[in-house]
C-alpha atoms as a PDB file:
ATOM      1  CA  MET A   1     -13.195   2.313  20.332  1.00  0.00           C
ATOM      2  CA  LEU A   2     -10.347   1.262  22.054  1.00  0.00           C
ATOM      3  CA  GLU A   3     -10.165  -1.868  20.636  1.00  0.00           C
ATOM      4  CA  ILE A   4     -10.136   0.432  17.066  1.00  0.00           C
ATOM      5  CA  VAL A   5      -7.785   2.810  18.176  1.00  0.00           C
ATOM      6  CA  ARG A   6      -5.326   2.201  20.949  1.00  0.00           C
ATOM      7  CA  ILE A   7      -4.419   4.313  23.366  1.00  0.00           C
ATOM      8  CA  GLU A   8      -0.733   5.447  22.261  1.00  0.00           C
ATOM      9  CA  ASN A   9      -2.381   6.137  18.906  1.00  0.00           C
ATOM     10  CA  ILE A  10      -4.249   9.148  20.402  1.00  0.00           C
ATOM     11  CA  LEU A  11      -3.256  13.037  21.423  1.00  0.00           C
ATOM     12  CA  VAL A  12      -5.148  15.639  22.611  1.00  0.00           C
ATOM     13  CA  ASN A  13      -5.060  19.130  22.961  1.00  0.00           C
ATOM     14  CA  GLN A  14      -2.309  19.275  19.551  1.00  0.00           C
ATOM     15  CA  GLU A  15      -1.929  22.550  18.050  1.00  0.00           C
ATOM     16  CA  PRO A  16      -0.835  22.371  14.729  1.00  0.00           C
ATOM     17  CA  ASN A  17      -0.349  25.178  11.989  1.00  0.00           C
ATOM     18  CA  ASN A  18      -1.875  24.133   9.228  1.00  0.00           C
ATOM     19  CA  TRP A  19      -3.968  21.145   8.139  1.00  0.00           C
ATOM     20  CA  GLU A  20      -1.012  18.924   6.164  1.00  0.00           C
ATOM     21  CA  GLU A  21       0.671  19.698  10.002  1.00  0.00           C
ATOM     22  CA  SER A  22      -2.339  18.366  11.609  1.00  0.00           C
ATOM     23  CA  ILE A  23      -1.952  15.282   8.977  1.00  0.00           C
ATOM     24  CA  SER A  24       1.584  14.575  10.071  1.00  0.00           C
ATOM     25  CA  ILE A  25       0.754  13.849  13.343  1.00  0.00           C
ATOM     26  CA  VAL A  26      -1.912  11.469  12.963  1.00  0.00           C
ATOM     27  CA  GLY A  27       0.735   9.888  10.327  1.00  0.00           C
ATOM     28  CA  GLN A  28       3.514  10.187  12.755  1.00  0.00           C
ATOM     29  CA  LEU A  29       1.543   8.195  15.348  1.00  0.00           C
ATOM     30  CA  LEU A  30       0.819   5.043  12.704  1.00  0.00           C
ATOM     31  CA  GLU A  31       4.351   5.335  11.667  1.00  0.00           C
ATOM     32  CA  ASN A  32       5.938   4.791  15.395  1.00  0.00           C
ATOM     33  CA  ALA A  33       3.168   1.850  15.775  1.00  0.00           C
ATOM     34  CA  GLY A  34       4.568   0.435  12.363  1.00  0.00           C
ATOM     35  CA  SER A  35       1.269   0.306  10.761  1.00  0.00           C
ATOM     36  CA  ILE A  36       2.740   3.032   7.953  1.00  0.00           C
ATOM     37  CA  ASN A  37       6.005   4.058   6.700  1.00  0.00           C
ATOM     38  CA  ALA A  38       6.462   7.904   5.922  1.00  0.00           C
ATOM     39  CA  LYS A  39       5.865   7.540   1.992  1.00  0.00           C
ATOM     40  CA  TYR A  40       1.789   6.602   3.485  1.00  0.00           C
ATOM     41  CA  THR A  41       1.988  10.123   5.670  1.00  0.00           C
ATOM     42  CA  GLU A  42       3.239  11.751   2.547  1.00  0.00           C
ATOM     43  CA  ALA A  43       0.422  10.037   0.152  1.00  0.00           C
ATOM     44  CA  MET A  44      -2.240  11.451   2.508  1.00  0.00           C
ATOM     45  CA  ILE A  45      -0.944  14.802   2.203  1.00  0.00           C
ATOM     46  CA  GLU A  46      -0.622  15.078  -1.404  1.00  0.00           C
ATOM     47  CA  ALA A  47      -4.468  12.799  -1.629  1.00  0.00           C
ATOM     48  CA  VAL A  48      -5.444  16.001  -0.129  1.00  0.00           C
ATOM     49  CA  LYS A  49      -3.463  18.463  -2.495  1.00  0.00           C
ATOM     50  CA  GLN A  50      -4.805  16.795  -5.665  1.00  0.00           C
ATOM     51  CA  LEU A  51      -8.390  16.095  -4.540  1.00  0.00           C
ATOM     52  CA  GLY A  52      -9.158  18.812  -1.986  1.00  0.00           C
ATOM     53  CA  PRO A  53     -10.631  18.389   1.279  1.00  0.00           C
ATOM     54  CA  TYR A  54     -12.270  15.376   0.529  1.00  0.00           C
ATOM     55  CA  ILE A  55     -11.195  13.823   3.917  1.00  0.00           C
ATOM     56  CA  VAL A  56     -13.665  16.288   5.809  1.00  0.00           C
ATOM     57  CA  ILE A  57     -16.416  13.967   6.284  1.00  0.00           C
ATOM     58  CA  GLY A  58     -18.638  16.446   8.769  1.00  0.00           C
ATOM     59  CA  LYS A  59     -18.348  19.047  11.035  1.00  0.00           C
ATOM     60  CA  HIS A  60     -15.175  19.333  12.890  1.00  0.00           C
ATOM     61  CA  ILE A  61     -14.366  15.511  11.793  1.00  0.00           C
ATOM     62  CA  ALA A  62     -11.799  14.273   9.056  1.00  0.00           C
ATOM     63  CA  ILE A  63     -10.534  10.808   7.973  1.00  0.00           C
ATOM     64  CA  ALA A  64      -7.032  11.328   6.544  1.00  0.00           C
ATOM     65  CA  HIS A  65      -6.247   8.308   4.362  1.00  0.00           C
ATOM     66  CA  ALA A  66      -4.670   7.165   1.085  1.00  0.00           C
ATOM     67  CA  ALA A  67      -4.023   4.060  -1.267  1.00  0.00           C
ATOM     68  CA  PRO A  68      -2.614   1.791   0.836  1.00  0.00           C
ATOM     69  CA  GLU A  69       0.107   0.130  -1.987  1.00  0.00           C
ATOM     70  CA  LEU A  70       3.081  -0.801  -0.476  1.00  0.00           C
ATOM     71  CA  HIS A  71       2.988   1.651   2.665  1.00  0.00           C
ATOM     72  CA  VAL A  72       0.325  -0.019   4.752  1.00  0.00           C
ATOM     73  CA  HIS A  73       1.932  -2.929   6.868  1.00  0.00           C
ATOM     74  CA  LYS A  74      -1.412  -3.187   9.098  1.00  0.00           C
ATOM     75  CA  ASN A  75      -4.821  -2.082   9.979  1.00  0.00           C
ATOM     76  CA  ASP A  76      -4.781   0.827  12.489  1.00  0.00           C
ATOM     77  CA  MET A  77      -6.187   4.066  13.467  1.00  0.00           C
ATOM     78  CA  SER A  78      -4.816   7.263  15.085  1.00  0.00           C
ATOM     79  CA  VAL A  79      -6.790   9.867  16.410  1.00  0.00           C
ATOM     80  CA  ALA A  80      -5.443  13.463  16.837  1.00  0.00           C
ATOM     81  CA  ILE A  81      -8.148  15.869  18.784  1.00  0.00           C
ATOM     82  CA  LEU A  82      -7.305  19.308  17.952  1.00  0.00           C
ATOM     83  CA  SER A  83      -7.070  22.654  20.734  1.00  0.00           C
ATOM     84  CA  LYS A  84      -9.304  24.815  18.496  1.00  0.00           C
ATOM     85  CA  PRO A  85     -10.759  24.089  15.316  1.00  0.00           C
ATOM     86  CA  LEU A  86      -8.594  24.035  11.591  1.00  0.00           C
ATOM     87  CA  ALA A  87      -9.379  25.070   8.416  1.00  0.00           C
ATOM     88  CA  PHE A  88      -8.745  22.625   5.610  1.00  0.00           C
ATOM     89  CA  GLY A  89     -10.779  24.702   2.882  1.00  0.00           C
ATOM     90  CA  SER A  90     -13.989  22.018   3.271  1.00  0.00           C
ATOM     91  CA  ARG A  91     -17.572  23.750   2.806  1.00  0.00           C
ATOM     92  CA  ASN A  92     -18.262  21.052   5.556  1.00  0.00           C
ATOM     93  CA  GLY A  93     -16.334  23.654   7.979  1.00  0.00           C
ATOM     94  CA  ALA A  94     -13.209  23.458  10.408  1.00  0.00           C
ATOM     95  CA  VAL A  95     -11.937  20.070  11.905  1.00  0.00           C
ATOM     96  CA  LYS A  96     -11.216  19.661  15.506  1.00  0.00           C
ATOM     97  CA  VAL A  97     -10.920  15.830  15.394  1.00  0.00           C
ATOM     98  CA  LEU A  98      -8.750  13.893  12.376  1.00  0.00           C
ATOM     99  CA  PHE A  99      -8.827  10.291  12.217  1.00  0.00           C
ATOM    100  CA  ALA A 100      -6.151   8.339   9.943  1.00  0.00           C
END
């Protein structure tokens, strides 16, 4: 797993106020790594607003993403583990682990 998600791209015990903030958390990790720019983080949030909570792939797990266009500089992943499950409005349930 550390070959895919570097330790500096992992945060635990996060307490976002809403799903948008949770995506901002994982996006900021990738921005800090130079892997994406802020427009990609915005695009991940906008995708959920437009398409619904399709990123929730199963109980407690979501993978935030958007079209790469010119906003992705290198392949990378980040993960935030939330201190308590957060509702995204998905029939798959609340999210506890969010990847980007």
